[in-house]
N, C-alpha and C. Protein backbone atom coordinates (compact mmCIF):
# COMPACT_ATOMS: atom_id res chain seq x y z
N MET A 1 4.97 -41.95 -9.98
CA MET A 1 5.58 -40.66 -10.33
C MET A 1 6.91 -40.34 -9.33
N ARG A 2 7.60 -39.59 -10.02
CA ARG A 2 8.75 -39.56 -9.67
C ARG A 2 9.12 -38.17 -9.02
N GLN A 3 9.81 -37.99 -7.94
CA GLN A 3 9.58 -36.45 -7.33
C GLN A 3 11.01 -35.88 -7.81
N ASP A 4 11.11 -34.80 -7.84
CA ASP A 4 12.28 -34.14 -8.45
C ASP A 4 13.05 -33.84 -7.30
N THR A 5 14.39 -34.42 -7.08
CA THR A 5 15.49 -34.56 -6.30
C THR A 5 16.05 -33.03 -5.91
N ARG A 6 15.97 -32.30 -7.16
CA ARG A 6 16.78 -30.89 -6.98
C ARG A 6 15.87 -30.18 -6.32
N THR A 7 16.76 -29.41 -5.17
CA THR A 7 16.42 -28.29 -4.56
C THR A 7 16.99 -26.89 -4.97
N SER A 8 15.79 -26.41 -4.90
CA SER A 8 16.33 -24.90 -5.32
C SER A 8 16.73 -24.01 -4.18
N PRO A 9 17.59 -22.86 -4.43
CA PRO A 9 18.08 -22.01 -3.20
C PRO A 9 16.93 -21.62 -2.75
N PRO A 10 17.25 -21.04 -1.40
CA PRO A 10 16.32 -20.44 -0.48
C PRO A 10 15.96 -18.89 -1.03
N SER A 11 14.78 -18.72 -1.66
CA SER A 11 14.46 -17.43 -1.99
C SER A 11 14.38 -16.53 -0.75
N ARG A 12 14.85 -15.23 -1.11
CA ARG A 12 15.01 -14.53 -0.45
C ARG A 12 13.45 -13.62 -0.23
N PRO A 13 13.37 -13.41 1.05
CA PRO A 13 11.81 -12.66 1.22
C PRO A 13 11.97 -11.22 0.64
N ARG A 14 10.69 -10.71 -0.10
CA ARG A 14 10.43 -9.69 -0.57
C ARG A 14 9.79 -8.47 0.05
N GLY A 15 9.80 -7.44 -0.46
CA GLY A 15 9.15 -6.32 0.58
C GLY A 15 9.82 -5.77 1.71
N TRP A 16 9.54 -4.69 1.75
CA TRP A 16 9.88 -3.79 3.18
C TRP A 16 8.57 -3.20 4.05
N VAL A 17 8.78 -4.33 5.14
CA VAL A 17 7.66 -3.98 6.16
C VAL A 17 7.30 -2.58 6.33
N SER A 18 8.18 -1.78 6.54
CA SER A 18 8.22 -0.49 7.06
C SER A 18 7.63 0.48 5.63
N LEU A 19 7.64 -0.13 4.52
CA LEU A 19 7.11 0.65 3.45
C LEU A 19 5.37 0.28 3.23
N TYR A 20 5.53 -1.05 3.77
CA TYR A 20 4.03 -1.48 3.72
C TYR A 20 3.10 -1.04 5.03
N ALA A 21 3.96 -0.70 6.28
CA ALA A 21 3.29 0.28 6.95
C ALA A 21 2.97 1.86 6.41
N VAL A 22 3.83 2.04 5.77
CA VAL A 22 3.82 3.77 5.34
C VAL A 22 2.40 3.32 4.37
N ALA A 23 2.27 2.69 3.39
CA ALA A 23 1.14 2.52 2.46
C ALA A 23 -0.11 2.31 3.54
N PHE A 24 -0.30 1.50 4.51
CA PHE A 24 -1.15 1.33 5.65
C PHE A 24 -1.48 2.76 6.08
N VAL A 25 -0.76 3.47 6.42
CA VAL A 25 -1.24 4.84 7.18
C VAL A 25 -1.62 5.71 6.39
N LEU A 26 -1.22 5.69 5.03
CA LEU A 26 -1.81 6.40 3.86
C LEU A 26 -3.06 6.10 3.53
N LEU A 27 -3.41 4.75 3.65
CA LEU A 27 -4.78 4.14 3.48
C LEU A 27 -5.65 4.52 4.25
N VAL A 28 -5.26 4.70 5.81
CA VAL A 28 -6.06 5.01 6.96
C VAL A 28 -6.09 6.59 7.10
N GLY A 29 -5.25 7.28 6.58
CA GLY A 29 -5.55 8.91 6.12
C GLY A 29 -6.68 9.00 4.77
N ALA A 30 -6.59 8.14 4.08
CA ALA A 30 -7.49 8.37 2.81
C ALA A 30 -8.76 7.89 3.20
N GLY A 31 -9.04 6.92 4.20
CA GLY A 31 -10.70 6.50 4.67
C GLY A 31 -10.95 7.61 5.52
N ALA A 32 -9.99 8.26 6.39
CA ALA A 32 -10.31 9.47 7.30
C ALA A 32 -10.93 10.47 6.41
N ALA A 33 -10.10 10.74 5.42
CA ALA A 33 -10.57 12.03 4.55
C ALA A 33 -11.99 11.94 3.81
N ILE A 34 -12.24 10.69 3.29
CA ILE A 34 -13.18 10.27 2.74
C ILE A 34 -14.56 10.14 3.87
N THR A 35 -14.14 9.93 4.80
CA THR A 35 -15.28 10.11 6.31
C THR A 35 -15.66 11.28 6.24
N LEU A 36 -14.83 11.86 6.60
CA LEU A 36 -14.96 13.35 6.96
C LEU A 36 -15.88 14.63 5.86
N SER A 37 -15.61 13.92 4.88
CA SER A 37 -16.14 14.25 3.47
C SER A 37 -17.28 14.12 3.42
N ALA A 38 -17.68 12.52 3.82
CA ALA A 38 -19.39 12.50 3.74
C ALA A 38 -19.78 12.74 4.64
N VAL A 39 -19.26 13.16 6.09
CA VAL A 39 -20.16 13.69 7.16
C VAL A 39 -20.60 15.24 7.10
N GLY A 40 -19.74 16.02 6.03
CA GLY A 40 -19.69 17.12 5.63
C GLY A 40 -20.78 17.36 4.74
N LEU A 41 -21.19 16.10 4.16
CA LEU A 41 -22.40 15.82 3.20
C LEU A 41 -21.77 16.54 1.83
N LEU A 42 -20.27 16.44 1.54
CA LEU A 42 -19.60 16.57 0.40
C LEU A 42 -19.44 18.12 0.06
N ALA A 43 -19.66 19.05 1.32
CA ALA A 43 -19.66 20.30 1.08
C ALA A 43 -18.23 21.04 0.05
N SER A 44 -17.21 20.22 0.39
CA SER A 44 -15.91 20.70 -0.23
C SER A 44 -15.56 19.49 -1.05
N THR A 45 -15.06 19.57 -2.21
CA THR A 45 -14.21 18.59 -3.04
C THR A 45 -12.60 18.44 -2.55
N ARG A 46 -12.04 19.28 -1.48
CA ARG A 46 -10.76 19.47 -1.31
C ARG A 46 -10.10 18.12 -0.42
N LEU A 47 -11.37 17.22 0.18
CA LEU A 47 -11.18 16.18 1.44
C LEU A 47 -11.29 15.24 0.21
N LEU A 48 -12.10 15.16 -0.81
CA LEU A 48 -12.36 14.12 -1.89
C LEU A 48 -10.84 13.97 -2.48
N TRP A 49 -10.16 15.14 -2.82
CA TRP A 49 -9.02 15.11 -3.40
C TRP A 49 -7.97 14.76 -2.79
N THR A 50 -7.95 15.28 -1.37
CA THR A 50 -7.35 14.58 -0.55
C THR A 50 -7.13 13.10 -0.44
N SER A 51 -8.02 12.69 -0.21
CA SER A 51 -8.63 11.08 -0.29
C SER A 51 -7.91 10.18 -1.37
N THR A 52 -7.85 10.77 -2.48
CA THR A 52 -7.49 10.38 -3.61
C THR A 52 -6.11 10.43 -3.83
N VAL A 53 -5.35 11.52 -3.40
CA VAL A 53 -3.89 11.58 -3.64
C VAL A 53 -3.46 10.63 -2.52
N LEU A 54 -4.06 10.37 -1.49
CA LEU A 54 -3.31 9.66 -0.30
C LEU A 54 -3.67 7.97 -0.69
N SER A 55 -4.96 7.60 -1.38
CA SER A 55 -5.05 6.72 -1.85
C SER A 55 -4.09 6.39 -2.97
N GLY A 56 -3.47 6.77 -3.87
CA GLY A 56 -2.61 6.98 -5.03
C GLY A 56 -1.24 6.80 -4.56
N LEU A 57 -0.88 7.32 -3.29
CA LEU A 57 0.41 7.32 -2.77
C LEU A 57 0.60 5.93 -2.25
N ALA A 58 -0.83 5.70 -1.82
CA ALA A 58 -0.53 4.47 -0.97
C ALA A 58 -0.24 3.20 -2.04
N ILE A 59 -0.94 3.15 -3.17
CA ILE A 59 -0.72 2.53 -3.94
C ILE A 59 0.86 2.37 -4.62
N VAL A 60 1.45 3.36 -4.69
CA VAL A 60 2.77 3.55 -5.44
C VAL A 60 3.61 2.91 -4.42
N VAL A 61 3.49 3.20 -3.23
CA VAL A 61 4.52 2.78 -1.99
C VAL A 61 4.30 1.57 -1.57
N ALA A 62 3.17 0.74 -2.05
CA ALA A 62 2.99 -0.53 -2.01
C ALA A 62 3.52 -1.28 -3.11
N ILE A 63 3.67 -0.72 -4.23
CA ILE A 63 4.25 -1.35 -5.47
C ILE A 63 5.74 -1.04 -4.98
N VAL A 64 6.15 0.04 -4.75
CA VAL A 64 7.66 0.28 -4.39
C VAL A 64 8.18 -0.73 -3.34
N SER A 65 7.33 -1.01 -2.58
CA SER A 65 7.93 -1.98 -1.40
C SER A 65 8.13 -3.14 -1.84
N VAL A 66 7.54 -3.89 -2.88
CA VAL A 66 7.63 -5.16 -3.42
C VAL A 66 8.90 -5.22 -4.46
N VAL A 67 8.87 -3.92 -5.26
CA VAL A 67 9.83 -3.97 -6.21
C VAL A 67 11.42 -3.93 -5.83
N LEU A 68 11.65 -3.06 -4.60
CA LEU A 68 12.81 -2.59 -4.57
C LEU A 68 13.31 -4.02 -3.62
N PRO A 69 14.80 -4.21 -3.86
CA PRO A 69 15.29 -5.34 -3.33
C PRO A 69 15.56 -4.95 -1.78
N ARG A 70 15.71 -6.23 -1.01
CA ARG A 70 15.83 -5.96 0.39
C ARG A 70 17.53 -5.77 0.48
N ARG A 71 18.01 -5.25 1.38
CA ARG A 71 19.56 -5.14 1.45
C ARG A 71 19.82 -6.42 2.31
């Protein structure tokens, strides 16, 4: 078999590490909210909604961190 001798230009790394960190912090907050809600035996749905919103924001931030080009 013959190897391809052409070389591709080096690809630039994608993603913003700082935005990944923000997404991680949001997920930790979502986990804390769901834990506190479970400890309170689901007495209030406010913490469940908080967890849902934080999880959604974490997903959006993670996607944006990959889509945005680095400078």
